[in-house]
Amino acid sequence: MKKNLLAVAVLCALSSGAALAQQAEGPWMVRARAVHLNSANKDSTPLGLSVNDKTIPEVDVTYFFNKNIAAELILTVPQKHTLSAGGAAIGTLKHLPPTLLVQYHFETAGFKPYVGAGLNYTRFSSVNLPAGVGIDRNSFGPALQVGVDIPLAKNLYLNFDVKKVFIKTDVTAGGAKLGTFKVDPVLVGVGLGWRF
């Protein structure tokens, strides 16, 4: 009788463990967001440079090393901006800003806040500026993040996210450096995430 009870107890424990394993979330999460890019437009040149603000699509892929620590790669397609000097358009350019962040996810009931920090690399391309005016095509800088995932259904989350990304480029005219233009945008996003 004791052996039978022990066998039943072991079987129940194994069954419960299997059920919990099936319910446990996987290590991957993919989010799709609509993000509003609001540029700081800090310019040390005498030109008064600025780029336009815009709303862009964003996709990120996150891998959870454990329940608290994750790494997130943020991607989009090259974004076209109008470059202005003193409020008047003088040309266009595109930028591609992949960003890699390490995140800490907090343990709370009902929602899952997180903070992140990492590195941004921005590549400027399709630069169309007045003759003799140029910019450095590459930018490296830090990135900071705060956000929250709110459960909607099994493995489906509503996401709110705010990032500060430091992007800058040196501006030249006739080969001489005029100064540094800092885009340094704040990006406010909302979207959906899938955990698997």
N, C-alpha and C. Protein backbone atom coordinates (compact mmCIF):
# COMPACT_ATOMS: atom_id res chain seq x y z
N MET A 1 0.83 -1.21 0.00
CA MET A 1 0.00 0.00 0.00
C MET A 1 0.87 1.26 0.00
N LYS A 2 1.92 1.25 0.85
CA LYS A 2 2.81 2.43 0.92
C LYS A 2 3.52 2.65 -0.41
N LYS A 3 3.91 1.52 -1.07
CA LYS A 3 4.59 1.65 -2.36
C LYS A 3 3.66 2.25 -3.40
N ASN A 4 2.38 1.85 -3.35
CA ASN A 4 1.40 2.39 -4.30
C ASN A 4 1.19 3.89 -4.07
N LEU A 5 1.09 4.28 -2.80
CA LEU A 5 0.91 5.70 -2.48
C LEU A 5 2.12 6.51 -2.91
N LEU A 6 3.32 5.96 -2.70
CA LEU A 6 4.54 6.64 -3.11
C LEU A 6 4.60 6.80 -4.62
N ALA A 7 4.21 5.75 -5.35
CA ALA A 7 4.20 5.80 -6.82
C ALA A 7 3.22 6.85 -7.31
N VAL A 8 2.03 6.91 -6.69
CA VAL A 8 1.04 7.92 -7.08
C VAL A 8 1.55 9.33 -6.80
N ALA A 9 2.22 9.51 -5.65
CA ALA A 9 2.76 10.83 -5.29
C ALA A 9 3.83 11.27 -6.29
N VAL A 10 4.71 10.34 -6.65
CA VAL A 10 5.76 10.66 -7.63
C VAL A 10 5.15 11.01 -8.98
N LEU A 11 4.15 10.23 -9.39
CA LEU A 11 3.49 10.48 -10.68
C LEU A 11 2.82 11.85 -10.68
N CYS A 12 2.15 12.21 -9.58
CA CYS A 12 1.51 13.53 -9.47
C CYS A 12 2.54 14.65 -9.54
N ALA A 13 3.65 14.47 -8.87
CA ALA A 13 4.70 15.49 -8.87
C ALA A 13 5.27 15.68 -10.26
N LEU A 14 5.52 14.55 -10.95
CA LEU A 14 6.05 14.64 -12.32
C LEU A 14 5.05 15.30 -13.26
N SER A 15 3.77 14.95 -13.11
CA SER A 15 2.72 15.54 -13.94
C SER A 15 2.61 17.04 -13.71
N SER A 16 2.68 17.46 -12.44
CA SER A 16 2.61 18.89 -12.11
C SER A 16 3.80 19.63 -12.70
N GLY A 17 5.00 19.02 -12.59
CA GLY A 17 6.19 19.65 -13.16
C GLY A 17 6.08 19.81 -14.65
N ALA A 18 5.55 18.79 -15.33
CA ALA A 18 5.39 18.87 -16.79
C ALA A 18 4.40 19.95 -17.17
N ALA A 19 3.31 20.06 -16.39
CA ALA A 19 2.32 21.10 -16.69
C ALA A 19 2.91 22.48 -16.51
N LEU A 20 3.69 22.66 -15.43
CA LEU A 20 4.32 23.96 -15.21
C LEU A 20 5.32 24.28 -16.30
N ALA A 21 6.06 23.27 -16.77
CA ALA A 21 7.04 23.49 -17.83
C ALA A 21 6.35 23.93 -19.11
N GLN A 22 5.15 23.34 -19.38
CA GLN A 22 4.41 23.73 -20.57
C GLN A 22 3.92 25.18 -20.48
N GLN A 23 3.59 25.61 -19.25
CA GLN A 23 3.07 26.95 -19.05
C GLN A 23 4.20 28.00 -19.00
N ALA A 24 5.41 27.55 -18.70
CA ALA A 24 6.52 28.50 -18.58
C ALA A 24 6.79 29.18 -19.92
N GLU A 25 7.14 30.45 -19.86
CA GLU A 25 7.42 31.20 -21.07
C GLU A 25 8.81 30.86 -21.59
N GLY A 26 8.95 30.92 -22.90
CA GLY A 26 10.24 30.65 -23.51
C GLY A 26 11.18 31.83 -23.36
N PRO A 27 12.44 31.68 -23.81
CA PRO A 27 13.44 32.73 -23.60
C PRO A 27 13.39 33.87 -24.63
N TRP A 28 12.60 33.72 -25.68
CA TRP A 28 12.58 34.72 -26.75
C TRP A 28 11.34 35.61 -26.67
N MET A 29 11.52 36.87 -27.06
CA MET A 29 10.39 37.79 -27.18
C MET A 29 10.63 38.68 -28.39
N VAL A 30 9.60 38.85 -29.20
CA VAL A 30 9.66 39.74 -30.36
C VAL A 30 8.58 40.81 -30.19
N ARG A 31 8.98 42.06 -30.35
CA ARG A 31 8.02 43.16 -30.25
C ARG A 31 7.98 43.94 -31.55
N ALA A 32 6.81 44.45 -31.89
CA ALA A 32 6.64 45.38 -33.00
C ALA A 32 6.04 46.66 -32.42
N ARG A 33 6.68 47.79 -32.70
CA ARG A 33 6.26 49.06 -32.11
C ARG A 33 6.10 50.14 -33.17
N ALA A 34 5.23 51.10 -32.88
CA ALA A 34 5.23 52.38 -33.56
C ALA A 34 5.94 53.35 -32.61
N VAL A 35 6.97 54.04 -33.13
CA VAL A 35 7.84 54.86 -32.28
C VAL A 35 7.88 56.28 -32.81
N HIS A 36 7.65 57.24 -31.92
CA HIS A 36 7.80 58.64 -32.31
C HIS A 36 9.21 59.11 -31.94
N LEU A 37 9.93 59.59 -32.94
CA LEU A 37 11.30 60.06 -32.76
C LEU A 37 11.28 61.58 -32.61
N ASN A 38 11.72 62.05 -31.45
CA ASN A 38 11.74 63.48 -31.14
C ASN A 38 13.20 63.90 -30.94
N SER A 39 13.77 64.62 -31.92
CA SER A 39 15.20 64.93 -31.92
C SER A 39 15.52 66.12 -31.02
N ALA A 40 16.68 66.04 -30.35
CA ALA A 40 17.14 67.15 -29.51
C ALA A 40 17.68 68.30 -30.37
N ASN A 41 18.30 67.97 -31.53
CA ASN A 41 18.83 68.97 -32.46
C ASN A 41 19.77 69.97 -31.77
N LYS A 42 20.84 69.43 -31.18
CA LYS A 42 21.87 70.27 -30.57
C LYS A 42 22.99 70.48 -31.59
N ASP A 43 23.26 71.73 -31.94
CA ASP A 43 24.20 72.02 -33.03
C ASP A 43 25.26 73.02 -32.57
N SER A 44 26.53 72.61 -32.69
CA SER A 44 27.63 73.52 -32.33
C SER A 44 28.19 74.24 -33.56
N THR A 45 27.63 73.99 -34.74
CA THR A 45 28.05 74.72 -35.94
C THR A 45 27.32 76.05 -35.99
N PRO A 46 27.73 76.98 -36.86
CA PRO A 46 27.00 78.24 -37.00
C PRO A 46 25.77 78.13 -37.90
N LEU A 47 25.40 76.90 -38.33
CA LEU A 47 24.35 76.73 -39.33
C LEU A 47 22.95 76.59 -38.73
N GLY A 48 22.85 76.28 -37.46
CA GLY A 48 21.52 76.07 -36.86
C GLY A 48 20.83 74.85 -37.44
N LEU A 49 21.52 73.71 -37.44
CA LEU A 49 21.00 72.50 -38.07
C LEU A 49 19.92 71.82 -37.24
N SER A 50 19.00 71.16 -37.94
CA SER A 50 17.97 70.36 -37.28
C SER A 50 17.45 69.32 -38.26
N VAL A 51 16.92 68.22 -37.72
CA VAL A 51 16.21 67.24 -38.55
C VAL A 51 14.78 67.15 -38.05
N ASN A 52 13.89 66.72 -38.94
CA ASN A 52 12.47 66.65 -38.59
C ASN A 52 12.18 65.47 -37.67
N ASP A 53 11.18 65.64 -36.82
CA ASP A 53 10.67 64.54 -36.00
C ASP A 53 9.74 63.69 -36.87
N LYS A 54 9.61 62.42 -36.51
CA LYS A 54 8.72 61.55 -37.29
C LYS A 54 8.38 60.30 -36.49
N THR A 55 7.34 59.59 -36.94
CA THR A 55 6.96 58.31 -36.36
C THR A 55 7.46 57.20 -37.28
N ILE A 56 8.13 56.21 -36.68
CA ILE A 56 8.78 55.16 -37.47
C ILE A 56 8.37 53.78 -36.95
N PRO A 57 8.49 52.75 -37.81
CA PRO A 57 8.27 51.38 -37.33
C PRO A 57 9.53 50.85 -36.65
N GLU A 58 9.34 49.97 -35.69
CA GLU A 58 10.48 49.40 -34.98
C GLU A 58 10.17 47.95 -34.62
N VAL A 59 11.17 47.09 -34.77
CA VAL A 59 11.06 45.69 -34.36
C VAL A 59 12.23 45.38 -33.45
N ASP A 60 11.98 44.66 -32.37
CA ASP A 60 13.09 44.25 -31.53
C ASP A 60 12.99 42.77 -31.20
N VAL A 61 14.14 42.17 -31.00
CA VAL A 61 14.24 40.77 -30.62
C VAL A 61 14.96 40.71 -29.27
N THR A 62 14.33 40.06 -28.29
CA THR A 62 14.87 39.99 -26.93
C THR A 62 15.11 38.53 -26.55
N TYR A 63 16.26 38.30 -25.90
CA TYR A 63 16.55 36.97 -25.36
C TYR A 63 16.72 37.08 -23.85
N PHE A 64 15.96 36.26 -23.11
CA PHE A 64 16.02 36.25 -21.65
C PHE A 64 17.02 35.19 -21.19
N PHE A 65 18.08 35.63 -20.52
CA PHE A 65 19.05 34.70 -19.94
C PHE A 65 18.47 34.04 -18.69
N ASN A 66 17.65 34.79 -17.97
CA ASN A 66 16.88 34.26 -16.85
C ASN A 66 15.67 35.17 -16.69
N LYS A 67 14.92 35.05 -15.57
CA LYS A 67 13.68 35.82 -15.44
C LYS A 67 13.91 37.33 -15.32
N ASN A 68 15.13 37.74 -14.97
CA ASN A 68 15.40 39.17 -14.78
C ASN A 68 16.29 39.79 -15.84
N ILE A 69 17.25 39.05 -16.37
CA ILE A 69 18.26 39.62 -17.27
C ILE A 69 17.97 39.23 -18.71
N ALA A 70 17.98 40.23 -19.60
CA ALA A 70 17.73 39.99 -21.02
C ALA A 70 18.59 40.91 -21.86
N ALA A 71 18.77 40.54 -23.11
CA ALA A 71 19.44 41.39 -24.10
C ALA A 71 18.46 41.66 -25.23
N GLU A 72 18.41 42.91 -25.68
CA GLU A 72 17.46 43.31 -26.72
C GLU A 72 18.19 43.97 -27.88
N LEU A 73 17.89 43.51 -29.10
CA LEU A 73 18.40 44.12 -30.32
C LEU A 73 17.26 44.85 -30.99
N ILE A 74 17.43 46.16 -31.19
CA ILE A 74 16.38 47.01 -31.75
C ILE A 74 16.72 47.33 -33.20
N LEU A 75 15.75 47.11 -34.08
CA LEU A 75 15.97 47.27 -35.51
C LEU A 75 14.86 48.10 -36.15
N THR A 76 15.19 48.75 -37.25
CA THR A 76 14.21 49.41 -38.10
C THR A 76 14.79 49.44 -39.51
N VAL A 77 14.11 50.08 -40.42
CA VAL A 77 14.63 50.27 -41.78
C VAL A 77 15.25 51.66 -41.85
N PRO A 78 16.13 51.92 -42.83
CA PRO A 78 16.71 53.28 -42.93
C PRO A 78 15.62 54.35 -43.00
N GLN A 79 15.79 55.37 -42.16
CA GLN A 79 14.79 56.43 -42.05
C GLN A 79 15.26 57.71 -42.73
N LYS A 80 14.42 58.26 -43.60
CA LYS A 80 14.77 59.48 -44.33
C LYS A 80 14.36 60.71 -43.52
N HIS A 81 15.27 61.67 -43.43
CA HIS A 81 15.00 62.92 -42.72
C HIS A 81 15.36 64.11 -43.60
N THR A 82 14.68 65.20 -43.36
CA THR A 82 15.04 66.47 -43.97
C THR A 82 15.97 67.22 -43.02
N LEU A 83 17.11 67.66 -43.55
CA LEU A 83 18.05 68.45 -42.75
C LEU A 83 17.82 69.93 -43.06
N SER A 84 17.64 70.71 -42.02
CA SER A 84 17.38 72.14 -42.17
C SER A 84 18.47 72.95 -41.52
N ALA A 85 18.68 74.15 -42.03
CA ALA A 85 19.61 75.12 -41.45
C ALA A 85 18.85 76.41 -41.24
N GLY A 86 18.76 76.83 -39.98
CA GLY A 86 18.01 78.03 -39.67
C GLY A 86 16.55 77.93 -40.04
N GLY A 87 16.02 76.71 -40.04
CA GLY A 87 14.60 76.50 -40.34
C GLY A 87 14.30 76.25 -41.81
N ALA A 88 15.28 76.41 -42.69
CA ALA A 88 15.09 76.19 -44.12
C ALA A 88 15.73 74.88 -44.54
N ALA A 89 15.00 74.06 -45.31
CA ALA A 89 15.52 72.77 -45.74
C ALA A 89 16.72 72.96 -46.66
N ILE A 90 17.79 72.21 -46.37
CA ILE A 90 18.99 72.29 -47.21
C ILE A 90 19.37 70.93 -47.80
N GLY A 91 18.67 69.87 -47.41
CA GLY A 91 18.99 68.57 -47.96
C GLY A 91 18.30 67.44 -47.22
N THR A 92 18.66 66.22 -47.57
CA THR A 92 18.08 65.04 -46.95
C THR A 92 19.18 64.03 -46.63
N LEU A 93 18.85 63.11 -45.75
CA LEU A 93 19.74 62.00 -45.42
C LEU A 93 18.91 60.87 -44.85
N LYS A 94 19.50 59.68 -44.82
CA LYS A 94 18.88 58.54 -44.16
C LYS A 94 19.78 58.07 -43.02
N HIS A 95 19.15 57.53 -42.00
CA HIS A 95 19.95 56.95 -40.91
C HIS A 95 19.39 55.59 -40.53
N LEU A 96 20.30 54.66 -40.22
CA LEU A 96 19.95 53.32 -39.77
C LEU A 96 20.58 53.14 -38.39
N PRO A 97 19.75 53.02 -37.33
CA PRO A 97 20.30 53.06 -35.96
C PRO A 97 20.11 51.79 -35.14
N PRO A 98 20.68 50.64 -35.53
CA PRO A 98 20.53 49.45 -34.67
C PRO A 98 21.11 49.70 -33.27
N THR A 99 20.42 49.16 -32.27
CA THR A 99 20.81 49.40 -30.88
C THR A 99 20.74 48.09 -30.11
N LEU A 100 21.77 47.82 -29.31
CA LEU A 100 21.81 46.62 -28.48
C LEU A 100 21.80 47.05 -27.01
N LEU A 101 20.84 46.50 -26.25
CA LEU A 101 20.65 46.88 -24.85
C LEU A 101 20.67 45.65 -23.95
N VAL A 102 21.18 45.82 -22.74
CA VAL A 102 21.04 44.82 -21.68
C VAL A 102 19.96 45.33 -20.74
N GLN A 103 19.00 44.46 -20.42
CA GLN A 103 17.84 44.89 -19.63
C GLN A 103 17.76 44.15 -18.29
N TYR A 104 17.15 44.84 -17.31
CA TYR A 104 16.76 44.20 -16.06
C TYR A 104 15.24 44.27 -15.95
N HIS A 105 14.59 43.11 -15.83
CA HIS A 105 13.14 43.01 -15.72
C HIS A 105 12.76 42.76 -14.27
N PHE A 106 11.85 43.59 -13.76
CA PHE A 106 11.45 43.50 -12.35
C PHE A 106 10.32 42.49 -12.19
N GLU A 107 10.27 41.88 -11.00
CA GLU A 107 9.22 40.92 -10.67
C GLU A 107 8.05 41.65 -10.01
N THR A 108 6.94 41.77 -10.73
CA THR A 108 5.74 42.40 -10.19
C THR A 108 4.52 41.61 -10.65
N ALA A 109 3.40 41.85 -10.00
CA ALA A 109 2.16 41.17 -10.35
C ALA A 109 1.37 42.03 -11.35
N GLY A 110 0.96 41.44 -12.45
CA GLY A 110 0.08 42.12 -13.39
C GLY A 110 0.78 42.86 -14.51
N PHE A 111 2.01 43.29 -14.30
CA PHE A 111 2.76 43.96 -15.37
C PHE A 111 4.25 43.75 -15.11
N LYS A 112 5.06 43.98 -16.15
CA LYS A 112 6.49 43.66 -16.06
C LYS A 112 7.34 44.85 -16.52
N PRO A 113 7.70 45.74 -15.58
CA PRO A 113 8.56 46.87 -15.94
C PRO A 113 10.01 46.44 -16.13
N TYR A 114 10.75 47.24 -16.90
CA TYR A 114 12.16 46.94 -17.13
C TYR A 114 12.92 48.23 -17.40
N VAL A 115 14.23 48.16 -17.20
CA VAL A 115 15.14 49.24 -17.56
C VAL A 115 16.26 48.62 -18.39
N GLY A 116 16.88 49.45 -19.24
CA GLY A 116 17.95 48.93 -20.09
C GLY A 116 19.00 49.99 -20.38
N ALA A 117 20.18 49.51 -20.74
CA ALA A 117 21.27 50.39 -21.14
C ALA A 117 22.13 49.63 -22.14
N GLY A 118 22.68 50.38 -23.11
CA GLY A 118 23.49 49.71 -24.11
C GLY A 118 24.15 50.67 -25.07
N LEU A 119 24.36 50.17 -26.30
CA LEU A 119 25.13 50.90 -27.31
C LEU A 119 24.34 51.03 -28.60
N ASN A 120 24.39 52.21 -29.17
CA ASN A 120 23.79 52.48 -30.48
C ASN A 120 24.87 52.69 -31.53
N TYR A 121 24.65 52.12 -32.70
CA TYR A 121 25.47 52.44 -33.87
C TYR A 121 24.54 53.00 -34.94
N THR A 122 24.83 54.18 -35.45
CA THR A 122 24.03 54.78 -36.51
C THR A 122 24.88 54.97 -37.74
N ARG A 123 24.33 54.55 -38.88
CA ARG A 123 24.97 54.73 -40.17
C ARG A 123 24.13 55.72 -40.99
N PHE A 124 24.76 56.83 -41.38
CA PHE A 124 24.10 57.81 -42.25
C PHE A 124 24.37 57.44 -43.70
N SER A 125 23.33 57.50 -44.54
CA SER A 125 23.48 57.16 -45.95
C SER A 125 22.58 58.07 -46.78
N SER A 126 22.70 57.94 -48.11
CA SER A 126 21.90 58.75 -49.04
C SER A 126 21.93 60.23 -48.64
N VAL A 127 23.13 60.71 -48.32
CA VAL A 127 23.30 62.10 -47.86
C VAL A 127 23.26 63.03 -49.07
N ASN A 128 22.30 63.93 -49.06
CA ASN A 128 22.11 64.88 -50.16
C ASN A 128 22.16 66.29 -49.58
N LEU A 129 23.36 66.91 -49.59
CA LEU A 129 23.58 68.21 -48.97
C LEU A 129 24.20 69.16 -49.99
N PRO A 130 24.23 70.46 -49.70
CA PRO A 130 24.86 71.40 -50.63
C PRO A 130 26.31 71.04 -50.91
N ALA A 131 26.78 71.40 -52.08
CA ALA A 131 28.15 71.08 -52.49
C ALA A 131 29.15 71.59 -51.46
N GLY A 132 30.08 70.72 -51.10
CA GLY A 132 31.13 71.10 -50.15
C GLY A 132 30.79 70.82 -48.71
N VAL A 133 29.51 70.56 -48.41
CA VAL A 133 29.08 70.28 -47.03
C VAL A 133 29.02 68.77 -46.84
N GLY A 134 29.61 68.26 -45.77
CA GLY A 134 29.61 66.83 -45.51
C GLY A 134 29.41 66.50 -44.05
N ILE A 135 29.14 65.24 -43.78
CA ILE A 135 28.99 64.77 -42.40
C ILE A 135 29.73 63.44 -42.25
N ASP A 136 30.09 63.13 -41.01
CA ASP A 136 30.66 61.83 -40.69
C ASP A 136 29.53 60.80 -40.81
N ARG A 137 29.78 59.71 -41.53
CA ARG A 137 28.72 58.74 -41.82
C ARG A 137 28.46 57.76 -40.68
N ASN A 138 29.30 57.72 -39.64
CA ASN A 138 29.17 56.74 -38.57
C ASN A 138 29.07 57.42 -37.21
N SER A 139 28.20 56.89 -36.35
CA SER A 139 28.05 57.41 -35.00
C SER A 139 27.91 56.25 -34.02
N PHE A 140 28.66 56.30 -32.91
CA PHE A 140 28.53 55.37 -31.81
C PHE A 140 28.17 56.16 -30.55
N GLY A 141 27.23 55.64 -29.77
CA GLY A 141 26.85 56.34 -28.55
C GLY A 141 26.03 55.46 -27.64
N PRO A 142 25.89 55.86 -26.38
CA PRO A 142 25.09 55.08 -25.43
C PRO A 142 23.60 55.21 -25.71
N ALA A 143 22.85 54.28 -25.13
CA ALA A 143 21.39 54.31 -25.22
C ALA A 143 20.82 53.88 -23.87
N LEU A 144 19.74 54.53 -23.45
CA LEU A 144 19.06 54.22 -22.19
C LEU A 144 17.60 53.92 -22.46
N GLN A 145 16.99 53.12 -21.60
CA GLN A 145 15.64 52.64 -21.88
C GLN A 145 14.87 52.39 -20.60
N VAL A 146 13.56 52.64 -20.64
CA VAL A 146 12.65 52.22 -19.58
C VAL A 146 11.34 51.82 -20.26
N GLY A 147 10.73 50.76 -19.77
CA GLY A 147 9.50 50.30 -20.41
C GLY A 147 8.72 49.35 -19.53
N VAL A 148 7.60 48.88 -20.08
CA VAL A 148 6.75 47.94 -19.34
C VAL A 148 6.02 47.05 -20.33
N ASP A 149 5.92 45.77 -19.99
CA ASP A 149 5.10 44.81 -20.73
C ASP A 149 3.88 44.48 -19.89
N ILE A 150 2.69 44.61 -20.48
CA ILE A 150 1.43 44.35 -19.78
C ILE A 150 0.77 43.13 -20.42
N PRO A 151 0.56 42.04 -19.66
CA PRO A 151 -0.03 40.83 -20.24
C PRO A 151 -1.44 41.08 -20.78
N LEU A 152 -1.69 40.61 -22.02
CA LEU A 152 -3.02 40.69 -22.62
C LEU A 152 -3.66 39.31 -22.73
N ALA A 153 -2.85 38.33 -23.10
CA ALA A 153 -3.28 36.95 -23.24
C ALA A 153 -2.04 36.09 -23.09
N LYS A 154 -2.19 34.79 -23.26
CA LYS A 154 -1.05 33.90 -23.11
C LYS A 154 0.06 34.29 -24.10
N ASN A 155 1.22 34.66 -23.56
CA ASN A 155 2.41 35.02 -24.35
C ASN A 155 2.25 36.28 -25.18
N LEU A 156 1.17 37.05 -24.99
CA LEU A 156 0.95 38.29 -25.74
C LEU A 156 0.94 39.47 -24.77
N TYR A 157 1.71 40.51 -25.10
CA TYR A 157 1.88 41.65 -24.20
C TYR A 157 1.66 42.96 -24.94
N LEU A 158 1.09 43.94 -24.22
CA LEU A 158 1.08 45.33 -24.66
C LEU A 158 2.34 45.98 -24.12
N ASN A 159 3.07 46.68 -24.97
CA ASN A 159 4.36 47.25 -24.57
C ASN A 159 4.36 48.77 -24.70
N PHE A 160 4.87 49.44 -23.67
CA PHE A 160 5.18 50.87 -23.70
C PHE A 160 6.66 51.02 -23.42
N ASP A 161 7.34 51.89 -24.18
CA ASP A 161 8.80 51.94 -24.11
C ASP A 161 9.28 53.35 -24.42
N VAL A 162 10.27 53.82 -23.64
CA VAL A 162 10.89 55.12 -23.88
C VAL A 162 12.40 54.92 -23.91
N LYS A 163 13.04 55.46 -24.95
CA LYS A 163 14.49 55.35 -25.07
C LYS A 163 15.11 56.73 -25.31
N LYS A 164 16.31 56.92 -24.79
CA LYS A 164 17.15 58.07 -25.11
C LYS A 164 18.38 57.52 -25.81
N VAL A 165 18.59 57.96 -27.06
CA VAL A 165 19.70 57.44 -27.86
C VAL A 165 20.60 58.62 -28.24
N PHE A 166 21.90 58.45 -28.05
CA PHE A 166 22.85 59.53 -28.31
C PHE A 166 23.50 59.32 -29.68
N ILE A 167 23.11 60.19 -30.62
CA ILE A 167 23.57 60.11 -32.02
C ILE A 167 24.15 61.47 -32.39
N LYS A 168 25.37 61.46 -32.95
CA LYS A 168 25.98 62.72 -33.34
C LYS A 168 26.82 62.52 -34.59
N THR A 169 27.13 63.63 -35.28
CA THR A 169 27.99 63.58 -36.45
C THR A 169 28.75 64.89 -36.58
N ASP A 170 29.98 64.80 -37.03
CA ASP A 170 30.77 66.00 -37.31
C ASP A 170 30.38 66.56 -38.67
N VAL A 171 30.26 67.87 -38.74
CA VAL A 171 29.86 68.56 -39.97
C VAL A 171 31.07 69.30 -40.53
N THR A 172 31.29 69.14 -41.83
CA THR A 172 32.43 69.81 -42.48
C THR A 172 31.94 70.66 -43.65
N ALA A 173 32.72 71.67 -43.99
CA ALA A 173 32.48 72.49 -45.18
C ALA A 173 33.82 72.77 -45.83
N GLY A 174 33.96 72.37 -47.09
CA GLY A 174 35.24 72.54 -47.78
C GLY A 174 36.37 71.79 -47.12
N GLY A 175 36.04 70.68 -46.44
CA GLY A 175 37.04 69.87 -45.76
C GLY A 175 37.38 70.32 -44.36
N ALA A 176 36.88 71.47 -43.92
CA ALA A 176 37.15 71.99 -42.58
C ALA A 176 35.96 71.68 -41.65
N LYS A 177 36.27 71.26 -40.43
CA LYS A 177 35.21 70.94 -39.48
C LYS A 177 34.53 72.22 -38.99
N LEU A 178 33.19 72.23 -39.11
CA LEU A 178 32.40 73.37 -38.62
C LEU A 178 31.94 73.17 -37.18
N GLY A 179 31.74 71.92 -36.80
CA GLY A 179 31.24 71.62 -35.46
C GLY A 179 30.58 70.27 -35.44
N THR A 180 29.83 70.00 -34.39
CA THR A 180 29.16 68.71 -34.21
C THR A 180 27.66 68.91 -34.10
N PHE A 181 26.93 68.09 -34.83
CA PHE A 181 25.47 68.11 -34.78
C PHE A 181 25.00 66.87 -34.03
N LYS A 182 24.26 67.09 -32.93
CA LYS A 182 23.76 65.99 -32.10
C LYS A 182 22.25 65.84 -32.30
N VAL A 183 21.86 64.69 -32.81
CA VAL A 183 20.43 64.40 -32.98
C VAL A 183 19.83 64.01 -31.63
N ASP A 184 20.50 63.09 -30.91
CA ASP A 184 20.16 62.69 -29.54
C ASP A 184 18.64 62.57 -29.30
N PRO A 185 17.95 61.70 -30.06
CA PRO A 185 16.50 61.66 -29.95
C PRO A 185 15.98 60.95 -28.71
N VAL A 186 14.78 61.32 -28.31
CA VAL A 186 13.96 60.54 -27.38
C VAL A 186 12.95 59.79 -28.24
N LEU A 187 12.83 58.48 -28.02
CA LEU A 187 11.92 57.66 -28.79
C LEU A 187 10.85 57.09 -27.87
N VAL A 188 9.60 57.42 -28.14
CA VAL A 188 8.48 56.95 -27.34
C VAL A 188 7.68 55.97 -28.18
N GLY A 189 7.57 54.72 -27.69
CA GLY A 189 6.95 53.68 -28.49
C GLY A 189 5.84 52.94 -27.79
N VAL A 190 4.93 52.39 -28.62
CA VAL A 190 3.86 51.51 -28.15
C VAL A 190 3.72 50.39 -29.15
N GLY A 191 3.48 49.18 -28.64
CA GLY A 191 3.36 48.06 -29.56
C GLY A 191 2.94 46.79 -28.85
N LEU A 192 3.15 45.68 -29.55
CA LEU A 192 2.79 44.36 -29.03
C LEU A 192 4.02 43.47 -28.99
N GLY A 193 4.07 42.58 -27.97
CA GLY A 193 5.17 41.64 -27.84
C GLY A 193 4.66 40.23 -27.75
N TRP A 194 5.43 39.29 -28.35
CA TRP A 194 5.10 37.86 -28.31
C TRP A 194 6.25 37.13 -27.65
N ARG A 195 5.98 36.37 -26.60
CA ARG A 195 7.00 35.60 -25.88
C ARG A 195 6.87 34.13 -26.27
N PHE A 196 7.99 33.52 -26.60
CA PHE A 196 7.96 32.11 -27.00
C PHE A 196 9.27 31.40 -26.62
